[in-house]
Amino acid sequence: LEGDERYPDSCFVEDPAVVMAECAVITNPARASRNGEKHEILPAIRKFYDDAHIFHIEAPGTMEGGDVMQVDKHFYVGLSDRTNEEGVRQFAEIVGQFGYEVTAVPVTEGLHLKDFAVYLDKGNLLVTAVMNEAPAFADFNRLVIDADELYAINSLYINGTVLVPEGYPKTLKIIQDLGYPVKLVDTGEFRKIDGSLTCLSLRF
């Protein structure tokens, strides 16, 4: 996508849409400064899905994709300042048509769920100490990231490799010890506005 100066956060394309093999869901960002992004993402989404497979979260429901974590045919959706219960209800109704289950997870630490819990694969989940206690994640192999490296929880598993932000050696070792090949990525500029790796792309 081209840059859009009207929406300074629009590089974080993960938030205005949630995509999967069967369909796309255009979210309804809670902040007025970001809500228009849902319209600007549509032309890109329509390159991959016909209109019958593009759904929308409608007010009073709110949702941002940073709160949505997919694990196979299950979505864990953060209840946060950006995603409310009505947004989760609508999302569950939409994706349920395609055989997905949805579990809501309270986000008590900050902005989005995936700032505090990120799924890699094969049951491996990077978490904060708080999310380590979340009942929804009890059956995962939880890897608790040290408090001084919490930013690195938002690493990105894609096609067998994990992209890891530079500068977090303890988290890097945890991921390497799990057997994953890794690529380090300089995310320093994005971190200045609380942006992380998964925020910058849509993957399906």
N, C-alpha and C. Protein backbone atom coordinates (compact mmCIF):
# COMPACT_ATOMS: atom_id res chain seq x y z
N LEU A 1 0.84 -1.20 0.00
CA LEU A 1 0.00 0.00 0.00
C LEU A 1 0.87 1.24 0.00
N GLU A 2 0.40 2.26 -0.68
CA GLU A 2 1.08 3.56 -0.63
C GLU A 2 0.85 4.21 0.73
N GLY A 3 1.76 5.10 1.09
CA GLY A 3 1.56 5.86 2.32
C GLY A 3 0.32 6.74 2.22
N ASP A 4 -0.29 6.99 3.36
CA ASP A 4 -1.49 7.83 3.40
C ASP A 4 -1.33 8.82 4.55
N GLU A 5 -1.00 10.06 4.20
CA GLU A 5 -0.70 11.06 5.22
C GLU A 5 -1.91 11.44 6.07
N ARG A 6 -3.11 11.08 5.61
CA ARG A 6 -4.30 11.37 6.41
C ARG A 6 -4.37 10.48 7.64
N TYR A 7 -3.72 9.34 7.57
CA TYR A 7 -3.78 8.34 8.65
C TYR A 7 -2.37 7.93 9.02
N PRO A 8 -1.78 8.64 9.99
CA PRO A 8 -0.37 8.40 10.32
C PRO A 8 -0.08 6.98 10.81
N ASP A 9 -1.08 6.28 11.33
CA ASP A 9 -0.88 4.91 11.81
C ASP A 9 -1.20 3.86 10.74
N SER A 10 -1.47 4.30 9.51
CA SER A 10 -1.99 3.35 8.53
C SER A 10 -0.96 2.36 8.01
N CYS A 11 0.33 2.53 8.38
CA CYS A 11 1.30 1.48 8.07
C CYS A 11 0.96 0.19 8.81
N PHE A 12 0.20 0.30 9.89
CA PHE A 12 -0.15 -0.87 10.69
C PHE A 12 -1.42 -1.52 10.11
N VAL A 13 -1.26 -2.15 8.95
CA VAL A 13 -2.39 -2.66 8.19
C VAL A 13 -3.09 -3.84 8.85
N GLU A 14 -2.46 -4.41 9.87
CA GLU A 14 -3.10 -5.52 10.57
C GLU A 14 -4.39 -5.10 11.28
N ASP A 15 -4.49 -3.83 11.67
CA ASP A 15 -5.61 -3.41 12.51
C ASP A 15 -6.94 -3.24 11.77
N PRO A 16 -6.99 -2.68 10.55
CA PRO A 16 -8.29 -2.48 9.91
C PRO A 16 -8.88 -3.71 9.24
N ALA A 17 -8.18 -4.84 9.25
CA ALA A 17 -8.73 -6.05 8.63
C ALA A 17 -8.17 -7.29 9.30
N VAL A 18 -8.96 -8.34 9.32
CA VAL A 18 -8.52 -9.67 9.76
C VAL A 18 -8.76 -10.61 8.58
N VAL A 19 -7.73 -11.33 8.17
CA VAL A 19 -7.85 -12.17 6.98
C VAL A 19 -7.54 -13.63 7.32
N MET A 20 -8.20 -14.51 6.61
CA MET A 20 -7.97 -15.95 6.72
C MET A 20 -8.23 -16.56 5.36
N ALA A 21 -8.05 -17.85 5.23
CA ALA A 21 -8.18 -18.47 3.91
C ALA A 21 -9.57 -18.25 3.32
N GLU A 22 -10.60 -18.31 4.17
CA GLU A 22 -11.96 -18.32 3.66
C GLU A 22 -12.58 -16.94 3.46
N CYS A 23 -12.15 -15.97 4.23
CA CYS A 23 -12.82 -14.67 4.17
C CYS A 23 -11.94 -13.59 4.78
N ALA A 24 -12.39 -12.36 4.64
CA ALA A 24 -11.77 -11.22 5.29
C ALA A 24 -12.82 -10.49 6.12
N VAL A 25 -12.41 -9.96 7.25
CA VAL A 25 -13.30 -9.18 8.10
C VAL A 25 -12.70 -7.78 8.22
N ILE A 26 -13.44 -6.78 7.75
CA ILE A 26 -13.03 -5.39 7.91
C ILE A 26 -13.46 -4.96 9.30
N THR A 27 -12.52 -4.50 10.07
CA THR A 27 -12.81 -4.20 11.47
C THR A 27 -13.43 -2.80 11.59
N ASN A 28 -13.64 -2.38 12.81
CA ASN A 28 -14.18 -1.05 13.08
C ASN A 28 -13.34 -0.41 14.17
N PRO A 29 -12.18 0.17 13.79
CA PRO A 29 -11.27 0.73 14.80
C PRO A 29 -11.96 1.72 15.73
N ALA A 30 -11.59 1.63 17.00
CA ALA A 30 -12.29 2.41 18.03
C ALA A 30 -11.92 3.89 18.01
N ARG A 31 -10.72 4.22 17.53
CA ARG A 31 -10.27 5.61 17.55
C ARG A 31 -10.64 6.31 16.26
N ALA A 32 -11.21 7.53 16.38
CA ALA A 32 -11.61 8.28 15.19
C ALA A 32 -10.43 8.52 14.25
N SER A 33 -9.23 8.67 14.81
CA SER A 33 -8.04 8.95 14.00
C SER A 33 -7.65 7.77 13.12
N ARG A 34 -8.20 6.58 13.43
CA ARG A 34 -7.85 5.39 12.64
C ARG A 34 -9.05 4.79 11.92
N ASN A 35 -10.25 5.24 12.24
CA ASN A 35 -11.43 4.55 11.72
C ASN A 35 -11.51 4.58 10.21
N GLY A 36 -11.04 5.65 9.59
CA GLY A 36 -11.10 5.75 8.14
C GLY A 36 -10.24 4.75 7.41
N GLU A 37 -9.28 4.14 8.11
CA GLU A 37 -8.41 3.14 7.49
C GLU A 37 -9.20 1.94 6.97
N LYS A 38 -10.35 1.67 7.58
CA LYS A 38 -11.13 0.51 7.14
C LYS A 38 -11.63 0.68 5.71
N HIS A 39 -11.84 1.92 5.29
CA HIS A 39 -12.27 2.17 3.91
C HIS A 39 -11.08 2.08 2.95
N GLU A 40 -9.93 2.55 3.40
CA GLU A 40 -8.75 2.58 2.52
C GLU A 40 -8.16 1.19 2.29
N ILE A 41 -8.40 0.26 3.20
CA ILE A 41 -7.85 -1.10 3.05
C ILE A 41 -8.67 -1.94 2.06
N LEU A 42 -9.90 -1.53 1.80
CA LEU A 42 -10.81 -2.36 1.00
C LEU A 42 -10.29 -2.67 -0.41
N PRO A 43 -9.76 -1.72 -1.17
CA PRO A 43 -9.28 -2.07 -2.51
C PRO A 43 -8.22 -3.17 -2.50
N ALA A 44 -7.35 -3.14 -1.52
CA ALA A 44 -6.33 -4.19 -1.42
C ALA A 44 -6.97 -5.53 -1.07
N ILE A 45 -7.93 -5.52 -0.15
CA ILE A 45 -8.60 -6.76 0.24
C ILE A 45 -9.36 -7.36 -0.94
N ARG A 46 -9.95 -6.51 -1.76
CA ARG A 46 -10.75 -7.00 -2.89
C ARG A 46 -9.89 -7.65 -3.99
N LYS A 47 -8.60 -7.51 -3.90
CA LYS A 47 -7.73 -8.23 -4.83
C LYS A 47 -7.68 -9.71 -4.52
N PHE A 48 -8.09 -10.07 -3.30
CA PHE A 48 -7.96 -11.45 -2.85
C PHE A 48 -9.30 -12.11 -2.51
N TYR A 49 -10.34 -11.32 -2.28
CA TYR A 49 -11.64 -11.85 -1.88
C TYR A 49 -12.74 -11.15 -2.67
N ASP A 50 -13.77 -11.92 -3.06
CA ASP A 50 -14.93 -11.25 -3.65
C ASP A 50 -15.80 -10.69 -2.53
N ASP A 51 -16.76 -9.83 -2.90
CA ASP A 51 -17.55 -9.13 -1.89
C ASP A 51 -18.36 -10.08 -1.01
N ALA A 52 -18.69 -11.27 -1.53
CA ALA A 52 -19.45 -12.24 -0.73
C ALA A 52 -18.62 -12.80 0.42
N HIS A 53 -17.31 -12.62 0.34
CA HIS A 53 -16.43 -13.16 1.38
C HIS A 53 -15.68 -12.05 2.12
N ILE A 54 -16.24 -10.83 2.05
CA ILE A 54 -15.73 -9.72 2.85
C ILE A 54 -16.83 -9.27 3.80
N PHE A 55 -16.56 -9.31 5.08
CA PHE A 55 -17.53 -8.99 6.12
C PHE A 55 -17.06 -7.76 6.89
N HIS A 56 -17.98 -7.16 7.66
CA HIS A 56 -17.67 -5.91 8.36
C HIS A 56 -18.16 -5.97 9.81
N ILE A 57 -17.32 -5.48 10.71
CA ILE A 57 -17.75 -5.24 12.09
C ILE A 57 -18.46 -3.89 12.11
N GLU A 58 -19.67 -3.88 12.62
CA GLU A 58 -20.50 -2.67 12.60
C GLU A 58 -20.65 -2.10 14.01
N ALA A 59 -20.75 -0.77 14.10
CA ALA A 59 -21.02 -0.11 15.38
C ALA A 59 -22.34 -0.63 15.95
N PRO A 60 -22.41 -0.80 17.28
CA PRO A 60 -21.46 -0.34 18.30
C PRO A 60 -20.27 -1.28 18.53
N GLY A 61 -20.13 -2.29 17.71
CA GLY A 61 -18.97 -3.16 17.83
C GLY A 61 -17.70 -2.45 17.39
N THR A 62 -16.62 -2.65 18.12
CA THR A 62 -15.31 -2.15 17.71
C THR A 62 -14.32 -3.30 17.71
N MET A 63 -13.33 -3.22 16.84
CA MET A 63 -12.31 -4.25 16.77
C MET A 63 -11.09 -3.70 16.05
N GLU A 64 -9.91 -4.13 16.50
CA GLU A 64 -8.67 -3.91 15.75
C GLU A 64 -7.95 -5.24 15.66
N GLY A 65 -7.31 -5.46 14.50
CA GLY A 65 -6.71 -6.76 14.24
C GLY A 65 -5.57 -7.12 15.18
N GLY A 66 -4.96 -6.12 15.82
CA GLY A 66 -3.92 -6.42 16.79
C GLY A 66 -4.41 -7.21 17.98
N ASP A 67 -5.72 -7.26 18.17
CA ASP A 67 -6.32 -8.05 19.25
C ASP A 67 -6.68 -9.46 18.81
N VAL A 68 -6.41 -9.82 17.56
CA VAL A 68 -6.90 -11.09 17.02
C VAL A 68 -5.72 -12.02 16.74
N MET A 69 -5.68 -13.13 17.44
CA MET A 69 -4.60 -14.11 17.28
C MET A 69 -5.19 -15.44 16.81
N GLN A 70 -4.74 -15.89 15.65
CA GLN A 70 -5.25 -17.14 15.09
C GLN A 70 -4.34 -18.30 15.46
N VAL A 71 -4.96 -19.38 15.92
CA VAL A 71 -4.27 -20.63 16.17
C VAL A 71 -5.06 -21.71 15.45
N ASP A 72 -4.63 -22.06 14.25
CA ASP A 72 -5.33 -23.03 13.42
C ASP A 72 -6.79 -22.57 13.21
N LYS A 73 -7.77 -23.34 13.66
CA LYS A 73 -9.17 -22.98 13.46
C LYS A 73 -9.78 -22.32 14.70
N HIS A 74 -8.95 -21.67 15.47
CA HIS A 74 -9.40 -21.01 16.70
C HIS A 74 -8.83 -19.60 16.73
N PHE A 75 -9.66 -18.64 17.06
CA PHE A 75 -9.22 -17.27 17.25
C PHE A 75 -9.29 -16.91 18.73
N TYR A 76 -8.22 -16.31 19.23
CA TYR A 76 -8.22 -15.70 20.55
C TYR A 76 -8.28 -14.19 20.32
N VAL A 77 -9.31 -13.56 20.88
CA VAL A 77 -9.55 -12.15 20.61
C VAL A 77 -9.49 -11.36 21.92
N GLY A 78 -8.61 -10.37 21.95
CA GLY A 78 -8.45 -9.56 23.14
C GLY A 78 -9.62 -8.61 23.35
N LEU A 79 -10.12 -8.57 24.56
CA LEU A 79 -11.07 -7.54 24.98
C LEU A 79 -10.24 -6.40 25.55
N SER A 80 -10.21 -5.29 24.83
CA SER A 80 -9.28 -4.21 25.16
C SER A 80 -9.97 -2.87 24.98
N ASP A 81 -9.20 -1.80 25.08
CA ASP A 81 -9.75 -0.48 24.80
C ASP A 81 -10.13 -0.34 23.33
N ARG A 82 -9.60 -1.20 22.47
CA ARG A 82 -9.84 -1.10 21.04
C ARG A 82 -10.84 -2.13 20.51
N THR A 83 -11.07 -3.20 21.25
CA THR A 83 -11.98 -4.27 20.82
C THR A 83 -12.96 -4.55 21.95
N ASN A 84 -14.25 -4.37 21.67
CA ASN A 84 -15.24 -4.57 22.73
C ASN A 84 -16.00 -5.88 22.56
N GLU A 85 -16.87 -6.17 23.53
CA GLU A 85 -17.59 -7.45 23.53
C GLU A 85 -18.48 -7.59 22.30
N GLU A 86 -19.09 -6.51 21.87
CA GLU A 86 -19.96 -6.57 20.69
C GLU A 86 -19.12 -6.86 19.44
N GLY A 87 -17.95 -6.29 19.36
CA GLY A 87 -17.07 -6.60 18.24
C GLY A 87 -16.69 -8.07 18.21
N VAL A 88 -16.39 -8.62 19.38
CA VAL A 88 -16.05 -10.05 19.46
C VAL A 88 -17.25 -10.90 19.09
N ARG A 89 -18.43 -10.51 19.54
CA ARG A 89 -19.64 -11.28 19.21
C ARG A 89 -19.87 -11.32 17.71
N GLN A 90 -19.77 -10.15 17.06
CA GLN A 90 -19.98 -10.11 15.61
C GLN A 90 -18.90 -10.94 14.90
N PHE A 91 -17.67 -10.82 15.34
CA PHE A 91 -16.58 -11.56 14.72
C PHE A 91 -16.80 -13.07 14.84
N ALA A 92 -17.21 -13.52 16.03
CA ALA A 92 -17.46 -14.94 16.24
C ALA A 92 -18.59 -15.44 15.34
N GLU A 93 -19.60 -14.62 15.16
CA GLU A 93 -20.71 -15.00 14.28
C GLU A 93 -20.24 -15.14 12.83
N ILE A 94 -19.38 -14.24 12.39
CA ILE A 94 -18.88 -14.28 11.02
C ILE A 94 -18.00 -15.50 10.80
N VAL A 95 -16.98 -15.65 11.61
CA VAL A 95 -16.01 -16.73 11.35
C VAL A 95 -16.57 -18.10 11.70
N GLY A 96 -17.61 -18.13 12.56
CA GLY A 96 -18.25 -19.40 12.87
C GLY A 96 -18.84 -20.07 11.64
N GLN A 97 -19.20 -19.27 10.64
CA GLN A 97 -19.73 -19.83 9.39
C GLN A 97 -18.69 -20.70 8.68
N PHE A 98 -17.43 -20.48 8.99
CA PHE A 98 -16.35 -21.19 8.32
C PHE A 98 -15.64 -22.18 9.24
N GLY A 99 -16.29 -22.50 10.36
CA GLY A 99 -15.78 -23.54 11.24
C GLY A 99 -14.77 -23.08 12.28
N TYR A 100 -14.66 -21.79 12.50
CA TYR A 100 -13.73 -21.27 13.50
C TYR A 100 -14.43 -21.10 14.84
N GLU A 101 -13.68 -21.31 15.90
CA GLU A 101 -14.13 -21.00 17.25
C GLU A 101 -13.43 -19.73 17.73
N VAL A 102 -14.05 -19.05 18.68
CA VAL A 102 -13.51 -17.79 19.19
C VAL A 102 -13.52 -17.81 20.71
N THR A 103 -12.41 -17.41 21.31
CA THR A 103 -12.31 -17.23 22.75
C THR A 103 -11.90 -15.80 23.04
N ALA A 104 -12.65 -15.11 23.88
CA ALA A 104 -12.30 -13.75 24.28
C ALA A 104 -11.31 -13.81 25.45
N VAL A 105 -10.29 -12.95 25.38
CA VAL A 105 -9.25 -12.91 26.40
C VAL A 105 -9.12 -11.46 26.90
N PRO A 106 -9.35 -11.20 28.18
CA PRO A 106 -9.19 -9.83 28.68
C PRO A 106 -7.75 -9.35 28.53
N VAL A 107 -7.60 -8.12 28.03
CA VAL A 107 -6.28 -7.49 27.90
C VAL A 107 -6.18 -6.45 29.00
N THR A 108 -5.34 -6.71 29.98
CA THR A 108 -5.26 -5.85 31.16
C THR A 108 -3.97 -5.04 31.20
N GLU A 109 -3.06 -5.24 30.23
CA GLU A 109 -1.73 -4.65 30.33
C GLU A 109 -1.52 -3.44 29.43
N GLY A 110 -2.24 -3.33 28.33
CA GLY A 110 -1.93 -2.25 27.41
C GLY A 110 -2.84 -2.28 26.20
N LEU A 111 -2.27 -2.05 25.01
CA LEU A 111 -3.08 -1.76 23.83
C LEU A 111 -3.77 -2.99 23.25
N HIS A 112 -3.01 -3.93 22.72
CA HIS A 112 -3.57 -5.07 21.99
C HIS A 112 -3.11 -6.40 22.56
N LEU A 113 -3.88 -7.44 22.34
CA LEU A 113 -3.53 -8.78 22.81
C LEU A 113 -2.15 -9.20 22.33
N LYS A 114 -1.85 -8.96 21.04
CA LYS A 114 -0.59 -9.48 20.50
C LYS A 114 0.63 -8.66 20.91
N ASP A 115 0.44 -7.67 21.77
CA ASP A 115 1.58 -7.06 22.45
C ASP A 115 2.02 -7.92 23.63
N PHE A 116 1.18 -8.87 24.02
CA PHE A 116 1.43 -9.62 25.25
C PHE A 116 1.32 -11.13 25.09
N ALA A 117 0.86 -11.57 23.92
CA ALA A 117 0.80 -13.01 23.63
C ALA A 117 0.86 -13.17 22.11
N VAL A 118 1.85 -13.95 21.64
CA VAL A 118 1.99 -14.20 20.21
C VAL A 118 2.25 -15.68 19.98
N TYR A 119 1.44 -16.26 19.10
CA TYR A 119 1.57 -17.68 18.78
C TYR A 119 2.60 -17.87 17.67
N LEU A 120 3.47 -18.85 17.85
CA LEU A 120 4.42 -19.22 16.81
C LEU A 120 3.83 -20.37 16.00
N ASP A 121 4.06 -21.61 16.44
CA ASP A 121 3.36 -22.77 15.90
C ASP A 121 3.62 -23.94 16.83
N LYS A 122 3.00 -25.09 16.54
CA LYS A 122 3.20 -26.32 17.32
C LYS A 122 3.01 -26.10 18.81
N GLY A 123 2.04 -25.26 19.15
CA GLY A 123 1.69 -25.05 20.55
C GLY A 123 2.55 -24.05 21.28
N ASN A 124 3.52 -23.44 20.63
CA ASN A 124 4.45 -22.52 21.30
C ASN A 124 3.88 -21.10 21.31
N LEU A 125 3.83 -20.51 22.50
CA LEU A 125 3.22 -19.20 22.68
C LEU A 125 4.15 -18.32 23.51
N LEU A 126 4.53 -17.17 22.96
CA LEU A 126 5.31 -16.19 23.71
C LEU A 126 4.35 -15.33 24.52
N VAL A 127 4.62 -15.19 25.83
CA VAL A 127 3.68 -14.47 26.71
C VAL A 127 4.42 -13.63 27.74
N THR A 128 3.69 -12.67 28.29
CA THR A 128 4.12 -11.98 29.50
C THR A 128 3.78 -12.84 30.71
N ALA A 129 4.31 -12.42 31.86
CA ALA A 129 3.99 -13.14 33.09
C ALA A 129 2.49 -13.11 33.38
N VAL A 130 1.83 -11.99 33.06
CA VAL A 130 0.39 -11.89 33.30
C VAL A 130 -0.37 -12.83 32.37
N MET A 131 -0.06 -12.80 31.09
CA MET A 131 -0.76 -13.67 30.14
C MET A 131 -0.44 -15.15 30.38
N ASN A 132 0.67 -15.43 31.02
CA ASN A 132 1.00 -16.81 31.37
C ASN A 132 -0.05 -17.42 32.29
N GLU A 133 -0.76 -16.55 33.02
CA GLU A 133 -1.78 -17.03 33.95
C GLU A 133 -3.17 -17.05 33.34
N ALA A 134 -3.32 -16.62 32.10
CA ALA A 134 -4.64 -16.58 31.47
C ALA A 134 -5.17 -17.99 31.25
N PRO A 135 -6.36 -18.30 31.77
CA PRO A 135 -6.91 -19.65 31.62
C PRO A 135 -7.01 -20.09 30.16
N ALA A 136 -7.26 -19.16 29.25
CA ALA A 136 -7.43 -19.51 27.84
C ALA A 136 -6.17 -20.12 27.25
N PHE A 137 -5.00 -19.83 27.86
CA PHE A 137 -3.74 -20.29 27.30
C PHE A 137 -3.13 -21.45 28.07
N ALA A 138 -3.91 -22.07 28.95
CA ALA A 138 -3.38 -23.10 29.84
C ALA A 138 -2.77 -24.28 29.11
N ASP A 139 -3.27 -24.62 27.93
CA ASP A 139 -2.81 -25.82 27.24
C ASP A 139 -1.65 -25.57 26.28
N PHE A 140 -1.17 -24.33 26.20
CA PHE A 140 -0.05 -24.02 25.32
C PHE A 140 1.29 -24.27 26.02
N ASN A 141 2.33 -24.43 25.22
CA ASN A 141 3.70 -24.38 25.73
C ASN A 141 4.07 -22.90 25.83
N ARG A 142 3.94 -22.34 27.02
CA ARG A 142 4.08 -20.90 27.21
C ARG A 142 5.54 -20.55 27.52
N LEU A 143 6.08 -19.63 26.75
CA LEU A 143 7.44 -19.14 26.96
C LEU A 143 7.33 -17.73 27.50
N VAL A 144 7.65 -17.54 28.78
CA VAL A 144 7.49 -16.24 29.43
C VAL A 144 8.71 -15.37 29.12
N ILE A 145 8.45 -14.21 28.54
CA ILE A 145 9.50 -13.28 28.15
C ILE A 145 9.80 -12.33 29.31
N ASP A 146 11.07 -12.10 29.56
CA ASP A 146 11.47 -11.22 30.66
C ASP A 146 10.88 -9.82 30.50
N ALA A 147 10.64 -9.19 31.63
CA ALA A 147 9.99 -7.88 31.62
C ALA A 147 10.77 -6.84 30.82
N ASP A 148 12.10 -6.94 30.80
CA ASP A 148 12.89 -5.94 30.08
C ASP A 148 12.94 -6.20 28.58
N GLU A 149 12.31 -7.28 28.10
CA GLU A 149 12.28 -7.58 26.68
C GLU A 149 10.86 -7.80 26.15
N LEU A 150 9.87 -7.22 26.83
CA LEU A 150 8.47 -7.49 26.47
C LEU A 150 8.15 -7.12 25.03
N TYR A 151 8.83 -6.10 24.50
CA TYR A 151 8.55 -5.70 23.12
C TYR A 151 8.77 -6.86 22.15
N ALA A 152 9.73 -7.73 22.46
CA ALA A 152 10.09 -8.82 21.55
C ALA A 152 9.08 -9.95 21.53
N ILE A 153 8.08 -9.91 22.44
CA ILE A 153 7.00 -10.90 22.34
C ILE A 153 6.38 -10.83 20.95
N ASN A 154 6.28 -9.63 20.41
CA ASN A 154 5.67 -9.48 19.09
C ASN A 154 6.69 -9.83 18.01
N SER A 155 6.97 -11.12 17.93
CA SER A 155 7.77 -11.69 16.86
C SER A 155 6.81 -12.36 15.88
N LEU A 156 7.27 -12.57 14.67
CA LEU A 156 6.35 -12.98 13.60
C LEU A 156 6.79 -14.30 12.98
N TYR A 157 6.01 -15.35 13.22
CA TYR A 157 6.23 -16.65 12.59
C TYR A 157 5.60 -16.62 11.20
N ILE A 158 6.39 -16.95 10.19
CA ILE A 158 5.85 -16.99 8.84
C ILE A 158 6.65 -17.99 8.01
N ASN A 159 5.94 -18.98 7.48
CA ASN A 159 6.54 -19.98 6.61
C ASN A 159 7.74 -20.67 7.24
N GLY A 160 7.65 -20.97 8.54
CA GLY A 160 8.69 -21.73 9.21
C GLY A 160 9.79 -20.92 9.84
N THR A 161 9.87 -19.63 9.51
CA THR A 161 10.90 -18.75 10.06
C THR A 161 10.25 -17.74 11.00
N VAL A 162 10.99 -17.31 12.01
CA VAL A 162 10.48 -16.29 12.93
C VAL A 162 11.27 -15.00 12.74
N LEU A 163 10.55 -13.93 12.41
CA LEU A 163 11.14 -12.60 12.39
C LEU A 163 11.14 -12.06 13.81
N VAL A 164 12.29 -11.60 14.26
CA VAL A 164 12.46 -11.14 15.65
C VAL A 164 13.03 -9.73 15.62
N PRO A 165 12.47 -8.81 16.42
CA PRO A 165 13.06 -7.46 16.47
C PRO A 165 14.48 -7.50 17.02
N GLU A 166 15.32 -6.64 16.47
CA GLU A 166 16.71 -6.57 16.92
C GLU A 166 16.79 -6.04 18.35
N GLY A 167 17.80 -6.52 19.08
CA GLY A 167 18.12 -5.93 20.36
C GLY A 167 17.56 -6.64 21.58
N TYR A 168 17.10 -7.88 21.40
CA TYR A 168 16.48 -8.61 22.51
C TYR A 168 17.09 -10.01 22.58
N PRO A 169 18.32 -10.13 23.09
CA PRO A 169 19.05 -11.38 23.01
C PRO A 169 18.43 -12.55 23.77
N LYS A 170 17.79 -12.25 24.91
CA LYS A 170 17.19 -13.35 25.68
C LYS A 170 16.01 -13.97 24.93
N THR A 171 15.18 -13.12 24.34
CA THR A 171 14.05 -13.62 23.57
C THR A 171 14.53 -14.35 22.32
N LEU A 172 15.54 -13.80 21.68
CA LEU A 172 16.13 -14.45 20.50
C LEU A 172 16.58 -15.86 20.84
N LYS A 173 17.25 -16.03 21.97
CA LYS A 173 17.74 -17.36 22.36
C LYS A 173 16.58 -18.31 22.64
N ILE A 174 15.52 -17.81 23.28
CA ILE A 174 14.35 -18.67 23.55
C ILE A 174 13.79 -19.21 22.24
N ILE A 175 13.68 -18.35 21.26
CA ILE A 175 13.10 -18.76 19.98
C ILE A 175 14.04 -19.70 19.24
N GLN A 176 15.33 -19.40 19.26
CA GLN A 176 16.29 -20.28 18.61
C GLN A 176 16.34 -21.64 19.29
N ASP A 177 16.24 -21.67 20.61
CA ASP A 177 16.27 -22.93 21.35
C ASP A 177 15.07 -23.81 21.03
N LEU A 178 13.98 -23.20 20.53
CA LEU A 178 12.83 -23.99 20.09
C LEU A 178 13.07 -24.62 18.72
N GLY A 179 14.16 -24.23 18.07
CA GLY A 179 14.52 -24.83 16.80
C GLY A 179 14.15 -24.02 15.57
N TYR A 180 13.66 -22.81 15.76
CA TYR A 180 13.24 -22.01 14.61
C TYR A 180 14.44 -21.27 14.00
N PRO A 181 14.52 -21.24 12.67
CA PRO A 181 15.41 -20.26 12.05
C PRO A 181 14.84 -18.87 12.25
N VAL A 182 15.70 -17.89 12.46
CA VAL A 182 15.23 -16.54 12.74
C VAL A 182 15.87 -15.53 11.79
N LYS A 183 15.18 -14.41 11.62
CA LYS A 183 15.72 -13.25 10.93
C LYS A 183 15.49 -12.05 11.83
N LEU A 184 16.56 -11.29 12.07
CA LEU A 184 16.45 -10.10 12.89
C LEU A 184 16.00 -8.92 12.04
N VAL A 185 15.12 -8.11 12.59
CA VAL A 185 14.56 -6.97 11.87
C VAL A 185 14.68 -5.72 12.76
N ASP A 186 15.19 -4.64 12.18
CA ASP A 186 15.25 -3.36 12.89
C ASP A 186 13.87 -2.71 12.88
N THR A 187 13.24 -2.67 14.03
CA THR A 187 11.89 -2.08 14.15
C THR A 187 11.92 -0.80 14.97
N GLY A 188 13.10 -0.20 15.11
CA GLY A 188 13.25 0.93 16.02
C GLY A 188 12.32 2.09 15.72
N GLU A 189 12.15 2.44 14.43
CA GLU A 189 11.29 3.56 14.10
C GLU A 189 9.83 3.26 14.42
N PHE A 190 9.41 2.01 14.19
CA PHE A 190 8.02 1.66 14.48
C PHE A 190 7.76 1.59 15.98
N ARG A 191 8.78 1.19 16.72
CA ARG A 191 8.60 1.11 18.17
C ARG A 191 8.32 2.48 18.77
N LYS A 192 8.82 3.55 18.14
CA LYS A 192 8.59 4.90 18.66
C LYS A 192 7.11 5.24 18.74
N ILE A 193 6.30 4.59 17.92
CA ILE A 193 4.85 4.82 17.98
C ILE A 193 4.12 3.52 18.38
N ASP A 194 4.82 2.71 19.20
CA ASP A 194 4.24 1.49 19.77
C ASP A 194 3.86 0.47 18.70
N GLY A 195 4.58 0.47 17.59
CA GLY A 195 4.31 -0.49 16.52
C GLY A 195 5.25 -1.67 16.58
N SER A 196 4.74 -2.85 16.19
CA SER A 196 5.52 -4.08 16.25
C SER A 196 5.46 -4.82 14.92
N LEU A 197 6.12 -5.96 14.86
CA LEU A 197 6.27 -6.68 13.60
C LEU A 197 4.95 -7.14 13.00
N THR A 198 4.10 -7.78 13.81
CA THR A 198 2.88 -8.33 13.20
C THR A 198 1.97 -7.23 12.67
N CYS A 199 2.09 -6.03 13.24
CA CYS A 199 1.20 -4.93 12.87
C CYS A 199 1.33 -4.52 11.41
N LEU A 200 2.46 -4.83 10.79
CA LEU A 200 2.83 -4.24 9.52
C LEU A 200 2.43 -5.05 8.30
N SER A 201 1.71 -6.14 8.50
CA SER A 201 1.31 -6.97 7.35
C SER A 201 0.04 -7.74 7.67
N LEU A 202 -0.58 -8.23 6.61
CA LEU A 202 -1.71 -9.16 6.73
C LEU A 202 -1.24 -10.49 6.13
N ARG A 203 -1.48 -11.59 6.83
CA ARG A 203 -0.95 -12.88 6.43
C ARG A 203 -2.07 -13.91 6.35
N PHE A 204 -2.13 -14.64 5.24
CA PHE A 204 -3.19 -15.64 5.09
C PHE A 204 -2.78 -16.66 4.04
